[in-house]
PDB file of all heavy atoms in Angstrom:
ATOM      1  N   ASN A   1      18.543  17.595   7.825  1.00  0.00           N
ATOM      2  CA  ASN A   1      17.603  16.428   8.098  1.00  0.00           C
ATOM      3  C   ASN A   1      16.292  16.954   8.613  1.00  0.00           C
ATOM      4  O   ASN A   1      15.319  16.357   8.430  1.00  0.00           O
ATOM      5  CB  ASN A   1      18.221  15.563   9.198  1.00  0.00           C
ATOM      6  CG  ASN A   1      19.333  14.682   8.534  1.00  0.00           C
ATOM      7  OD1 ASN A   1      19.252  14.315   7.360  1.00  0.00           O
ATOM      8  ND2 ASN A   1      20.381  14.297   9.296  1.00  0.00           N
ATOM      9  N   ILE A   2      16.298  18.094   9.395  1.00  0.00           N
ATOM     10  CA  ILE A   2      15.105  18.690   9.834  1.00  0.00           C
ATOM     11  C   ILE A   2      14.260  19.157   8.616  1.00  0.00           C
ATOM     12  O   ILE A   2      13.024  18.856   8.549  1.00  0.00           O
ATOM     13  CB  ILE A   2      15.338  19.900  10.722  1.00  0.00           C
ATOM     14  CG1 ILE A   2      15.927  19.442  12.060  1.00  0.00           C
ATOM     15  CG2 ILE A   2      14.060  20.717  10.966  1.00  0.00           C
ATOM     16  CD1 ILE A   2      16.334  20.637  13.091  1.00  0.00           C
ATOM     17  N   ASN A   3      14.882  19.682   7.701  1.00  0.00           N
ATOM     18  CA  ASN A   3      14.127  20.223   6.477  1.00  0.00           C
ATOM     19  C   ASN A   3      13.668  18.954   5.694  1.00  0.00           C
ATOM     20  O   ASN A   3      12.611  19.054   5.029  1.00  0.00           O
ATOM     21  CB  ASN A   3      14.952  21.138   5.614  1.00  0.00           C
ATOM     22  CG  ASN A   3      15.076  22.523   6.320  1.00  0.00           C
ATOM     23  OD1 ASN A   3      14.080  23.173   6.615  1.00  0.00           O
ATOM     24  ND2 ASN A   3      16.315  22.986   6.548  1.00  0.00           N
ATOM     25  N   PHE A   4      14.543  17.957   5.556  1.00  0.00           N
ATOM     26  CA  PHE A   4      14.142  16.738   4.832  1.00  0.00           C
ATOM     27  C   PHE A   4      12.865  16.103   5.462  1.00  0.00           C
ATOM     28  O   PHE A   4      11.920  15.719   4.793  1.00  0.00           O
ATOM     29  CB  PHE A   4      15.326  15.753   4.852  1.00  0.00           C
ATOM     30  CG  PHE A   4      14.891  14.423   4.238  1.00  0.00           C
ATOM     31  CD1 PHE A   4      14.360  14.326   3.091  1.00  0.00           C
ATOM     32  CD2 PHE A   4      15.190  13.208   4.997  1.00  0.00           C
ATOM     33  CE1 PHE A   4      13.970  13.006   2.529  1.00  0.00           C
ATOM     34  CE2 PHE A   4      14.873  12.033   4.467  1.00  0.00           C
ATOM     35  CZ  PHE A   4      14.309  11.974   3.291  1.00  0.00           C
ATOM     36  N   ALA A   5      12.839  16.027   6.835  1.00  0.00           N
ATOM     37  CA  ALA A   5      11.733  15.506   7.545  1.00  0.00           C
ATOM     38  C   ALA A   5      10.443  16.312   7.366  1.00  0.00           C
ATOM     39  O   ALA A   5       9.409  15.752   7.118  1.00  0.00           O
ATOM     40  CB  ALA A   5      12.130  15.349   9.046  1.00  0.00           C
ATOM     41  N   ARG A   6      10.686  17.649   7.294  1.00  0.00           N
ATOM     42  CA  ARG A   6       9.538  18.458   7.048  1.00  0.00           C
ATOM     43  C   ARG A   6       9.013  18.300   5.663  1.00  0.00           C
ATOM     44  O   ARG A   6       7.715  18.214   5.372  1.00  0.00           O
ATOM     45  CB  ARG A   6       9.864  19.935   7.172  1.00  0.00           C
ATOM     46  CG  ARG A   6      10.103  20.350   8.725  1.00  0.00           C
ATOM     47  CD  ARG A   6      10.517  21.855   8.788  1.00  0.00           C
ATOM     48  NE  ARG A   6      10.549  22.292  10.104  1.00  0.00           N
ATOM     49  CZ  ARG A   6      10.973  23.486  10.432  1.00  0.00           C
ATOM     50  NH1 ARG A   6      11.283  24.319   9.520  1.00  0.00           N
ATOM     51  NH2 ARG A   6      10.938  23.855  11.682  1.00  0.00           N
ATOM     52  N   ARG A   7       9.864  18.125   4.667  1.00  0.00           N
ATOM     53  CA  ARG A   7       9.353  17.800   3.286  1.00  0.00           C
ATOM     54  C   ARG A   7       8.583  16.418   3.260  1.00  0.00           C
ATOM     55  O   ARG A   7       7.613  16.408   2.568  1.00  0.00           O
ATOM     56  CB  ARG A   7      10.655  17.735   2.412  1.00  0.00           C
ATOM     57  CG  ARG A   7      10.297  17.610   0.901  1.00  0.00           C
ATOM     58  CD  ARG A   7       9.600  18.879   0.365  1.00  0.00           C
ATOM     59  NE  ARG A   7      10.514  20.023   0.505  1.00  0.00           N
ATOM     60  CZ  ARG A   7      11.321  20.441  -0.450  1.00  0.00           C
ATOM     61  NH1 ARG A   7      11.502  19.772  -1.557  1.00  0.00           N
ATOM     62  NH2 ARG A   7      12.120  21.554  -0.213  1.00  0.00           N
ATOM     63  N   LEU A   8       9.107  15.496   3.978  1.00  0.00           N
ATOM     64  CA  LEU A   8       8.443  14.179   4.022  1.00  0.00           C
ATOM     65  C   LEU A   8       7.062  14.347   4.713  1.00  0.00           C
ATOM     66  O   LEU A   8       6.055  13.694   4.403  1.00  0.00           O
ATOM     67  CB  LEU A   8       9.275  13.072   4.767  1.00  0.00           C
ATOM     68  CG  LEU A   8      10.591  12.684   4.129  1.00  0.00           C
ATOM     69  CD1 LEU A   8      11.207  11.571   4.922  1.00  0.00           C
ATOM     70  CD2 LEU A   8      10.241  12.091   2.701  1.00  0.00           C
ATOM     71  N   ILE A   9       6.988  15.160   5.781  1.00  0.00           N
ATOM     72  CA  ILE A   9       5.716  15.414   6.440  1.00  0.00           C
ATOM     73  C   ILE A   9       4.700  15.921   5.417  1.00  0.00           C
ATOM     74  O   ILE A   9       3.542  15.526   5.384  1.00  0.00           O
ATOM     75  CB  ILE A   9       5.883  16.339   7.635  1.00  0.00           C
ATOM     76  CG1 ILE A   9       6.662  15.573   8.743  1.00  0.00           C
ATOM     77  CG2 ILE A   9       4.503  16.811   8.104  1.00  0.00           C
ATOM     78  CD1 ILE A   9       7.103  16.488   9.919  1.00  0.00           C
ATOM     79  N   ARG A  10       5.169  16.899   4.640  1.00  0.00           N
ATOM     80  CA  ARG A  10       4.194  17.509   3.642  1.00  0.00           C
ATOM     81  C   ARG A  10       3.706  16.533   2.608  1.00  0.00           C
ATOM     82  O   ARG A  10       2.549  16.407   2.177  1.00  0.00           O
ATOM     83  CB  ARG A  10       4.831  18.653   2.996  1.00  0.00           C
ATOM     84  CG  ARG A  10       4.997  19.964   3.879  1.00  0.00           C
ATOM     85  CD  ARG A  10       5.269  21.194   3.093  1.00  0.00           C
ATOM     86  NE  ARG A  10       6.569  21.091   2.345  1.00  0.00           N
ATOM     87  CZ  ARG A  10       7.724  21.538   2.926  1.00  0.00           C
ATOM     88  NH1 ARG A  10       7.739  22.020   4.138  1.00  0.00           N
ATOM     89  NH2 ARG A  10       8.789  21.428   2.190  1.00  0.00           N
ATOM     90  N   VAL A  11       4.749  15.685   2.242  1.00  0.00           N
ATOM     91  CA  VAL A  11       4.310  14.635   1.180  1.00  0.00           C
ATOM     92  C   VAL A  11       3.437  13.660   1.824  1.00  0.00           C
ATOM     93  O   VAL A  11       2.357  13.283   1.240  1.00  0.00           O
ATOM     94  CB  VAL A  11       5.598  13.852   0.822  1.00  0.00           C
ATOM     95  CG1 VAL A  11       5.290  12.701  -0.026  1.00  0.00           C
ATOM     96  CG2 VAL A  11       6.533  14.737  -0.097  1.00  0.00           C
ATOM     97  N   GLN A  12       3.637  13.225   3.135  1.00  0.00           N
ATOM     98  CA  GLN A  12       2.708  12.258   3.780  1.00  0.00           C
ATOM     99  C   GLN A  12       1.338  12.785   4.003  1.00  0.00           C
ATOM    100  O   GLN A  12       0.342  12.181   3.990  1.00  0.00           O
ATOM    101  CB  GLN A  12       3.435  11.651   4.972  1.00  0.00           C
ATOM    102  CG  GLN A  12       4.684  10.913   4.770  1.00  0.00           C
ATOM    103  CD  GLN A  12       4.576   9.853   3.726  1.00  0.00           C
ATOM    104  OE1 GLN A  12       3.449   9.198   3.675  1.00  0.00           O
ATOM    105  NE2 GLN A  12       5.537   9.527   3.063  1.00  0.00           N
ATOM    106  N   GLU A  13       1.350  14.134   4.385  1.00  0.00           N
ATOM    107  CA  GLU A  13       0.107  14.776   4.575  1.00  0.00           C
ATOM    108  C   GLU A  13      -0.754  14.847   3.305  1.00  0.00           C
ATOM    109  O   GLU A  13      -1.957  14.605   3.347  1.00  0.00           O
ATOM    110  CB  GLU A  13       0.310  16.193   5.151  1.00  0.00           C
ATOM    111  CG  GLU A  13       0.745  16.227   6.628  1.00  0.00           C
ATOM    112  CD  GLU A  13       1.084  17.667   7.055  1.00  0.00           C
ATOM    113  OE1 GLU A  13       1.256  18.567   6.213  1.00  0.00           O
ATOM    114  OE2 GLU A  13       1.139  17.902   8.248  1.00  0.00           O
ATOM    115  N   GLN A  14      -0.122  15.118   2.231  1.00  0.00           N
ATOM    116  CA  GLN A  14      -0.812  15.141   0.910  1.00  0.00           C
ATOM    117  C   GLN A  14      -1.315  13.700   0.566  1.00  0.00           C
ATOM    118  O   GLN A  14      -2.339  13.521   0.019  1.00  0.00           O
ATOM    119  CB  GLN A  14       0.148  15.695  -0.113  1.00  0.00           C
ATOM    120  CG  GLN A  14       0.354  17.149  -0.067  1.00  0.00           C
ATOM    121  CD  GLN A  14       1.504  17.607  -0.984  1.00  0.00           C
ATOM    122  OE1 GLN A  14       2.010  16.802  -1.812  1.00  0.00           O
ATOM    123  NE2 GLN A  14       1.830  18.835  -0.904  1.00  0.00           N
ATOM    124  N   ALA A  15      -0.379  12.713   0.916  1.00  0.00           N
ATOM    125  CA  ALA A  15      -0.810  11.336   0.599  1.00  0.00           C
ATOM    126  C   ALA A  15      -1.983  10.893   1.441  1.00  0.00           C
ATOM    127  O   ALA A  15      -3.030  10.195   0.979  1.00  0.00           O
ATOM    128  CB  ALA A  15       0.354  10.332   0.910  1.00  0.00           C
ATOM    129  N   LEU A  16      -2.066  11.368   2.794  1.00  0.00           N
ATOM    130  CA  LEU A  16      -3.176  11.037   3.580  1.00  0.00           C
ATOM    131  C   LEU A  16      -4.474  11.714   3.142  1.00  0.00           C
ATOM    132  O   LEU A  16      -5.553  11.148   3.094  1.00  0.00           O
ATOM    133  CB  LEU A  16      -2.914  11.536   5.086  1.00  0.00           C
ATOM    134  CG  LEU A  16      -3.896  11.245   6.073  1.00  0.00           C
ATOM    135  CD1 LEU A  16      -4.241   9.753   6.182  1.00  0.00           C
ATOM    136  CD2 LEU A  16      -3.510  11.755   7.537  1.00  0.00           C
ATOM    137  N   GLU A  17      -4.283  13.029   2.579  1.00  0.00           N
ATOM    138  CA  GLU A  17      -5.497  13.626   2.075  1.00  0.00           C
ATOM    139  C   GLU A  17      -6.028  12.922   0.842  1.00  0.00           C
ATOM    140  O   GLU A  17      -7.307  12.753   0.695  1.00  0.00           O
ATOM    141  CB  GLU A  17      -5.101  15.112   1.665  1.00  0.00           C
ATOM    142  CG  GLU A  17      -4.775  16.000   2.898  1.00  0.00           C
ATOM    143  CD  GLU A  17      -4.369  17.382   2.440  1.00  0.00           C
ATOM    144  OE1 GLU A  17      -4.255  17.606   1.261  1.00  0.00           O
ATOM    145  OE2 GLU A  17      -4.141  18.229   3.344  1.00  0.00           O
ATOM    146  N   ARG A  18      -5.151  12.481  -0.001  1.00  0.00           N
ATOM    147  CA  ARG A  18      -5.599  11.754  -1.208  1.00  0.00           C
ATOM    148  C   ARG A  18      -6.197  10.369  -0.833  1.00  0.00           C
ATOM    149  O   ARG A  18      -7.259  10.036  -1.328  1.00  0.00           O
ATOM    150  CB  ARG A  18      -4.389  11.491  -2.167  1.00  0.00           C
ATOM    151  CG  ARG A  18      -3.900  12.750  -2.864  1.00  0.00           C
ATOM    152  CD  ARG A  18      -2.975  12.405  -3.980  1.00  0.00           C
ATOM    153  NE  ARG A  18      -1.793  11.743  -3.443  1.00  0.00           N
ATOM    154  CZ  ARG A  18      -0.616  12.360  -3.124  1.00  0.00           C
ATOM    155  NH1 ARG A  18      -0.552  13.605  -3.345  1.00  0.00           N
ATOM    156  NH2 ARG A  18       0.459  11.683  -2.770  1.00  0.00           N
ATOM    157  N   ALA A  19      -5.663   9.752   0.139  1.00  0.00           N
ATOM    158  CA  ALA A  19      -6.265   8.412   0.705  1.00  0.00           C
ATOM    159  C   ALA A  19      -7.621   8.685   1.233  1.00  0.00           C
ATOM    160  O   ALA A  19      -8.496   7.824   1.037  1.00  0.00           O
ATOM    161  CB  ALA A  19      -5.315   7.806   1.666  1.00  0.00           C
ATOM    162  N   ASP A  20      -7.684   9.722   2.124  1.00  0.00           N
ATOM    163  CA  ASP A  20      -9.059  10.044   2.662  1.00  0.00           C
ATOM    164  C   ASP A  20     -10.104  10.324   1.512  1.00  0.00           C
ATOM    165  O   ASP A  20     -11.154   9.895   1.594  1.00  0.00           O
ATOM    166  CB  ASP A  20      -8.920  11.240   3.573  1.00  0.00           C
ATOM    167  CG  ASP A  20      -8.418  10.840   4.959  1.00  0.00           C
ATOM    168  OD1 ASP A  20      -8.556   9.751   5.330  1.00  0.00           O
ATOM    169  OD2 ASP A  20      -7.870  11.749   5.563  1.00  0.00           O
ATOM    170  N   LEU A  21      -9.674  11.037   0.440  1.00  0.00           N
ATOM    171  CA  LEU A  21     -10.508  11.341  -0.599  1.00  0.00           C
ATOM    172  C   LEU A  21     -11.027  10.055  -1.311  1.00  0.00           C
ATOM    173  O   LEU A  21     -12.176   9.870  -1.628  1.00  0.00           O
ATOM    174  CB  LEU A  21      -9.943  12.326  -1.500  1.00  0.00           C
ATOM    175  CG  LEU A  21     -10.750  12.782  -2.783  1.00  0.00           C
ATOM    176  CD1 LEU A  21     -12.063  13.375  -2.349  1.00  0.00           C
ATOM    177  CD2 LEU A  21     -10.015  13.670  -3.683  1.00  0.00           C
ATOM    178  N   ASN A  22     -10.019   9.140  -1.526  1.00  0.00           N
ATOM    179  CA  ASN A  22     -10.385   7.908  -2.215  1.00  0.00           C
ATOM    180  C   ASN A  22     -11.354   7.099  -1.326  1.00  0.00           C
ATOM    181  O   ASN A  22     -12.164   6.347  -1.877  1.00  0.00           O
ATOM    182  CB  ASN A  22      -9.085   7.147  -2.530  1.00  0.00           C
ATOM    183  CG  ASN A  22      -8.152   7.905  -3.492  1.00  0.00           C
ATOM    184  OD1 ASN A  22      -8.717   8.694  -4.253  1.00  0.00           O
ATOM    185  ND2 ASN A  22      -6.962   7.575  -3.496  1.00  0.00           N
ATOM    186  N   LEU A  23     -11.018   7.116  -0.016  1.00  0.00           N
ATOM    187  CA  LEU A  23     -11.945   6.348   0.914  1.00  0.00           C
ATOM    188  C   LEU A  23     -13.265   6.813   0.904  1.00  0.00           C
ATOM    189  O   LEU A  23     -14.292   6.031   0.803  1.00  0.00           O
ATOM    190  CB  LEU A  23     -11.370   6.369   2.285  1.00  0.00           C
ATOM    191  CG  LEU A  23     -12.240   5.621   3.380  1.00  0.00           C
ATOM    192  CD1 LEU A  23     -12.313   4.246   3.058  1.00  0.00           C
ATOM    193  CD2 LEU A  23     -11.514   5.817   4.765  1.00  0.00           C
ATOM    194  N   ARG A  24     -13.558   8.144   0.837  1.00  0.00           N
ATOM    195  CA  ARG A  24     -14.860   8.710   0.812  1.00  0.00           C
ATOM    196  C   ARG A  24     -15.489   8.242  -0.520  1.00  0.00           C
ATOM    197  O   ARG A  24     -16.794   7.974  -0.585  1.00  0.00           O
ATOM    198  CB  ARG A  24     -14.813  10.202   1.008  1.00  0.00           C
ATOM    199  CG  ARG A  24     -14.504  10.684   2.366  1.00  0.00           C
ATOM    200  CD  ARG A  24     -14.813  12.126   2.565  1.00  0.00           C
ATOM    201  NE  ARG A  24     -13.981  12.975   1.745  1.00  0.00           N
ATOM    202  CZ  ARG A  24     -12.767  13.434   1.969  1.00  0.00           C
ATOM    203  NH1 ARG A  24     -12.302  13.134   3.224  1.00  0.00           N
ATOM    204  NH2 ARG A  24     -12.035  14.262   1.194  1.00  0.00           N
ATOM    205  N   SER A  25     -14.815   8.395  -1.626  1.00  0.00           N
ATOM    206  CA  SER A  25     -15.308   7.946  -2.879  1.00  0.00           C
ATOM    207  C   SER A  25     -15.755   6.488  -2.939  1.00  0.00           C
ATOM    208  O   SER A  25     -16.792   6.127  -3.455  1.00  0.00           O
ATOM    209  CB  SER A  25     -14.272   8.337  -3.949  1.00  0.00           C
ATOM    210  OG  SER A  25     -13.963   9.670  -4.139  1.00  0.00           O
ATOM    211  N   ALA A  26     -14.820   5.647  -2.368  1.00  0.00           N
ATOM    212  CA  ALA A  26     -15.161   4.300  -2.430  1.00  0.00           C
ATOM    213  C   ALA A  26     -16.434   3.926  -1.631  1.00  0.00           C
ATOM    214  O   ALA A  26     -17.270   3.059  -1.950  1.00  0.00           O
ATOM    215  CB  ALA A  26     -13.959   3.494  -1.850  1.00  0.00           C
ATOM    216  N   ARG A  27     -16.540   4.588  -0.354  1.00  0.00           N
ATOM    217  CA  ARG A  27     -17.738   4.359   0.458  1.00  0.00           C
ATOM    218  C   ARG A  27     -19.035   4.856  -0.295  1.00  0.00           C
ATOM    219  O   ARG A  27     -20.013   4.262  -0.305  1.00  0.00           O
ATOM    220  CB  ARG A  27     -17.586   5.166   1.728  1.00  0.00           C
ATOM    221  CG  ARG A  27     -16.626   4.431   2.722  1.00  0.00           C
ATOM    222  CD  ARG A  27     -16.396   5.267   3.903  1.00  0.00           C
ATOM    223  NE  ARG A  27     -15.567   4.606   4.867  1.00  0.00           N
ATOM    224  CZ  ARG A  27     -15.065   5.090   5.976  1.00  0.00           C
ATOM    225  NH1 ARG A  27     -15.288   6.405   6.241  1.00  0.00           N
ATOM    226  NH2 ARG A  27     -14.325   4.409   6.863  1.00  0.00           N
ATOM    227  N   GLY A  28     -18.789   6.112  -1.021  1.00  0.00           N
ATOM    228  CA  GLY A  28     -20.010   6.488  -1.766  1.00  0.00           C
ATOM    229  C   GLY A  28     -20.433   5.542  -2.834  1.00  0.00           C
ATOM    230  O   GLY A  28     -21.690   5.370  -3.013  1.00  0.00           O
ATOM    231  N   PHE A  29     -19.447   5.009  -3.578  1.00  0.00           N
ATOM    232  CA  PHE A  29     -19.792   4.124  -4.663  1.00  0.00           C
ATOM    233  C   PHE A  29     -20.394   2.752  -4.054  1.00  0.00           C
ATOM    234  O   PHE A  29     -21.281   2.228  -4.666  1.00  0.00           O
ATOM    235  CB  PHE A  29     -18.549   3.680  -5.550  1.00  0.00           C
ATOM    236  CG  PHE A  29     -18.107   4.864  -6.387  1.00  0.00           C
ATOM    237  CD1 PHE A  29     -16.791   5.193  -6.477  1.00  0.00           C
ATOM    238  CD2 PHE A  29     -19.100   5.576  -7.275  1.00  0.00           C
ATOM    239  CE1 PHE A  29     -16.427   6.305  -7.322  1.00  0.00           C
ATOM    240  CE2 PHE A  29     -18.700   6.520  -8.048  1.00  0.00           C
ATOM    241  CZ  PHE A  29     -17.286   6.963  -8.134  1.00  0.00           C
ATOM    242  N   PHE A  30     -19.875   2.354  -2.930  1.00  0.00           N
ATOM    243  CA  PHE A  30     -20.339   1.153  -2.290  1.00  0.00           C
ATOM    244  C   PHE A  30     -21.747   1.351  -1.796  1.00  0.00           C
ATOM    245  O   PHE A  30     -22.654   0.415  -1.864  1.00  0.00           O
ATOM    246  CB  PHE A  30     -19.464   0.718  -1.099  1.00  0.00           C
ATOM    247  CG  PHE A  30     -20.005  -0.352  -0.247  1.00  0.00           C
ATOM    248  CD1 PHE A  30     -20.056  -1.655  -0.749  1.00  0.00           C
ATOM    249  CD2 PHE A  30     -20.426  -0.047   0.989  1.00  0.00           C
ATOM    250  CE1 PHE A  30     -20.546  -2.701  -0.082  1.00  0.00           C
ATOM    251  CE2 PHE A  30     -20.946  -1.132   1.779  1.00  0.00           C
ATOM    252  CZ  PHE A  30     -21.038  -2.435   1.237  1.00  0.00           C
ATOM    253  N   GLU A  31     -22.032   2.536  -1.283  1.00  0.00           N
ATOM    254  CA  GLU A  31     -23.395   2.759  -0.790  1.00  0.00           C
ATOM    255  C   GLU A  31     -24.532   2.680  -1.901  1.00  0.00           C
ATOM    256  O   GLU A  31     -25.591   2.347  -1.634  1.00  0.00           O
ATOM    257  CB  GLU A  31     -23.423   4.046  -0.019  1.00  0.00           C
ATOM    258  CG  GLU A  31     -22.663   4.062   1.326  1.00  0.00           C
ATOM    259  CD  GLU A  31     -22.518   5.362   1.983  1.00  0.00           C
ATOM    260  OE1 GLU A  31     -23.021   6.409   1.420  1.00  0.00           O
ATOM    261  OE2 GLU A  31     -22.043   5.498   3.178  1.00  0.00           O
ATOM    262  N   VAL A  32     -24.008   3.268  -3.046  1.00  0.00           N
ATOM    263  CA  VAL A  32     -25.022   3.192  -4.156  1.00  0.00           C
ATOM    264  C   VAL A  32     -24.956   1.909  -4.949  1.00  0.00           C
ATOM    265  O   VAL A  32     -25.703   1.738  -5.877  1.00  0.00           O
ATOM    266  CB  VAL A  32     -24.766   4.440  -5.133  1.00  0.00           C
ATOM    267  CG1 VAL A  32     -24.951   5.711  -4.348  1.00  0.00           C
ATOM    268  CG2 VAL A  32     -23.421   4.304  -5.800  1.00  0.00           C
ATOM    269  N   GLY A  33     -24.067   0.978  -4.522  1.00  0.00           N
ATOM    270  CA  GLY A  33     -24.006  -0.289  -5.045  1.00  0.00           C
ATOM    271  C   GLY A  33     -23.249  -0.506  -6.370  1.00  0.00           C
ATOM    272  O   GLY A  33     -23.356  -1.466  -7.077  1.00  0.00           O
ATOM    273  N   THR A  34     -22.354   0.565  -6.660  1.00  0.00           N
ATOM    274  CA  THR A  34     -21.628   0.471  -7.973  1.00  0.00           C
ATOM    275  C   THR A  34     -20.173  -0.062  -7.739  1.00  0.00           C
ATOM    276  O   THR A  34     -19.453  -0.445  -8.637  1.00  0.00           O
ATOM    277  CB  THR A  34     -21.426   1.819  -8.529  1.00  0.00           C
ATOM    278  OG1 THR A  34     -20.857   2.798  -7.683  1.00  0.00           O
ATOM    279  CG2 THR A  34     -22.916   2.382  -9.015  1.00  0.00           C
ATOM    280  N   ARG A  35     -19.767  -0.182  -6.422  1.00  0.00           N
ATOM    281  CA  ARG A  35     -18.449  -0.678  -6.085  1.00  0.00           C
ATOM    282  C   ARG A  35     -18.592  -1.783  -5.033  1.00  0.00           C
ATOM    283  O   ARG A  35     -19.457  -1.642  -4.146  1.00  0.00           O
ATOM    284  CB  ARG A  35     -17.553   0.417  -5.575  1.00  0.00           C
ATOM    285  CG  ARG A  35     -17.147   1.355  -6.723  1.00  0.00           C
ATOM    286  CD  ARG A  35     -16.159   0.789  -7.727  1.00  0.00           C
ATOM    287  NE  ARG A  35     -15.800   1.741  -8.680  1.00  0.00           N
ATOM    288  CZ  ARG A  35     -14.933   1.544  -9.669  1.00  0.00           C
ATOM    289  NH1 ARG A  35     -14.391   0.239  -9.838  1.00  0.00           N
ATOM    290  NH2 ARG A  35     -14.590   2.493 -10.573  1.00  0.00           N
ATOM    291  N   PRO A  36     -17.639  -2.768  -4.967  1.00  0.00           N
ATOM    292  CA  PRO A  36     -17.759  -3.784  -3.959  1.00  0.00           C
ATOM    293  C   PRO A  36     -17.156  -3.282  -2.645  1.00  0.00           C
ATOM    294  O   PRO A  36     -16.450  -2.321  -2.526  1.00  0.00           O
ATOM    295  CB  PRO A  36     -16.950  -4.984  -4.501  1.00  0.00           C
ATOM    296  CG  PRO A  36     -15.944  -4.260  -5.387  1.00  0.00           C
ATOM    297  CD  PRO A  36     -16.682  -3.110  -6.006  1.00  0.00           C
ATOM    298  N   LYS A  37     -17.455  -4.093  -1.564  1.00  0.00           N
ATOM    299  CA  LYS A  37     -16.951  -3.740  -0.311  1.00  0.00           C
ATOM    300  C   LYS A  37     -15.359  -3.871  -0.212  1.00  0.00           C
ATOM    301  O   LYS A  37     -14.708  -3.091   0.609  1.00  0.00           O
ATOM    302  CB  LYS A  37     -17.509  -4.791   0.769  1.00  0.00           C
ATOM    303  CG  LYS A  37     -16.982  -4.561   2.171  1.00  0.00           C
ATOM    304  CD  LYS A  37     -17.464  -3.255   2.763  1.00  0.00           C
ATOM    305  CE  LYS A  37     -17.104  -3.141   4.194  1.00  0.00           C
ATOM    306  NZ  LYS A  37     -17.502  -1.887   4.930  1.00  0.00           N
TER     307      LYS A  37
END
């Protein structure tokens, strides 16, 4: 279970990194007016 939790931590860290990247992209598109709020 410790190793399973560690595997989930890595998965969620990667998910958080992807979500942060998508958020930065969405903000960039919104600032130039190509994407809605």
